[in-house]
Amino acid sequence: MPANNRALADFLRRARSRCDPARLGLPTDSRNRRVPGLRREEVALLAGISTGYYARLEQGTVPSPTVLEGLAQALNLDAAGRA
């Protein structure tokens, strides 16, 4: 995987782990969460993409600008996070 694809994949994982599901209106039953933050399927739902496609993004698939915008909104990224 090219370095820029790996950087995006790593960024998505980190951003997802920092999101608070409760702030986004999602269930927060911690007994069902193995790691902090959002699950892949939750990010996909919020971004309007399939879970499989989101998983491929975390494996290095390059998204379109439209998908990037959806991810930025889903992950509640500020201007610095979108840069």
Protein backbone atom coordinates (compact mmCIF):
# COMPACT_ATOMS: atom_id res chain seq x y z
CA MET A 1 0.00 0.00 0.00
CA PRO A 2 1.41 3.43 -0.91
CA ALA A 3 2.40 5.65 2.02
CA ASN A 4 -0.36 8.22 1.43
CA ASN A 5 -3.01 5.47 1.40
CA ARG A 6 -1.55 4.03 4.61
CA ALA A 7 -1.59 7.48 6.21
CA LEU A 8 -5.28 7.93 5.40
CA ALA A 9 -6.10 4.45 6.70
CA ASP A 10 -4.24 5.14 9.96
CA PHE A 11 -5.91 8.53 10.29
CA LEU A 12 -9.38 7.02 9.86
CA ARG A 13 -8.71 4.43 12.56
CA ARG A 14 -7.44 7.07 15.00
CA ALA A 15 -10.29 9.48 14.26
CA ARG A 16 -12.86 6.72 14.72
CA SER A 17 -11.35 5.73 18.07
CA ARG A 18 -11.59 9.33 19.35
CA CYS A 19 -15.28 9.80 18.53
CA ASP A 20 -17.80 9.61 21.36
CA PRO A 21 -20.82 7.61 20.17
CA ALA A 22 -23.10 9.40 22.66
CA ARG A 23 -22.27 12.82 21.17
CA LEU A 24 -23.35 11.50 17.79
CA GLY A 25 -26.62 10.07 19.07
CA LEU A 26 -25.51 6.43 18.95
CA PRO A 27 -26.05 3.77 21.63
CA THR A 28 -23.23 3.67 24.17
CA ASP A 29 -23.58 0.29 25.88
CA SER A 30 -19.88 -0.16 26.72
CA ARG A 31 -20.33 -3.89 27.35
CA ASN A 32 -20.70 -4.35 23.59
CA ARG A 33 -17.67 -2.20 22.69
CA ARG A 34 -14.28 -3.86 22.67
CA VAL A 35 -12.46 -0.63 21.90
CA PRO A 36 -13.32 3.04 22.51
CA GLY A 37 -14.92 5.14 19.82
CA LEU A 38 -17.06 4.26 16.86
CA ARG A 39 -17.37 0.91 15.17
CA ARG A 40 -16.70 0.67 11.45
CA GLU A 41 -20.38 0.11 10.73
CA GLU A 42 -21.30 3.25 12.69
CA VAL A 43 -18.87 5.42 10.73
CA ALA A 44 -20.15 3.92 7.49
CA LEU A 45 -23.77 4.59 8.46
CA LEU A 46 -23.02 8.20 9.42
CA ALA A 47 -20.97 8.75 6.23
CA GLY A 48 -23.60 7.19 3.95
CA ILE A 49 -21.38 4.38 2.67
CA SER A 50 -21.38 0.61 3.11
CA THR A 51 -19.50 -1.05 5.94
CA GLY A 52 -17.51 -3.06 3.40
CA TYR A 53 -16.43 0.07 1.56
CA TYR A 54 -15.40 1.74 4.83
CA ALA A 55 -13.37 -1.35 5.74
CA ARG A 56 -11.61 -1.10 2.36
CA LEU A 57 -10.81 2.56 3.10
CA GLU A 58 -9.07 1.45 6.29
CA GLN A 59 -7.13 -1.00 4.12
CA GLY A 60 -5.93 1.65 1.68
CA THR A 61 -8.65 2.23 -0.93
CA VAL A 62 -8.63 5.85 -2.10
CA PRO A 63 -12.00 7.59 -1.57
CA SER A 64 -13.64 10.20 -3.77
CA PRO A 65 -13.89 13.81 -2.55
CA THR A 66 -17.59 13.23 -1.84
CA VAL A 67 -16.81 10.24 0.38
CA LEU A 68 -14.05 12.20 2.13
CA GLU A 69 -16.56 14.94 2.95
CA GLY A 70 -19.02 12.38 4.30
CA LEU A 71 -16.30 10.85 6.47
CA ALA A 72 -15.25 14.28 7.76
CA GLN A 73 -18.83 14.98 8.81
CA ALA A 74 -19.32 11.51 10.30
CA LEU A 75 -16.11 11.79 12.32
CA ASN A 76 -16.96 15.35 13.36
CA LEU A 77 -13.64 16.71 12.06
CA ASP A 78 -12.84 20.39 12.41
CA ALA A 79 -10.98 22.41 9.75
CA ALA A 80 -7.60 21.21 11.02
CA GLY A 81 -8.74 17.58 10.91
CA ARG A 82 -9.94 18.01 7.34
CA ALA A 83 -6.62 19.45 6.11
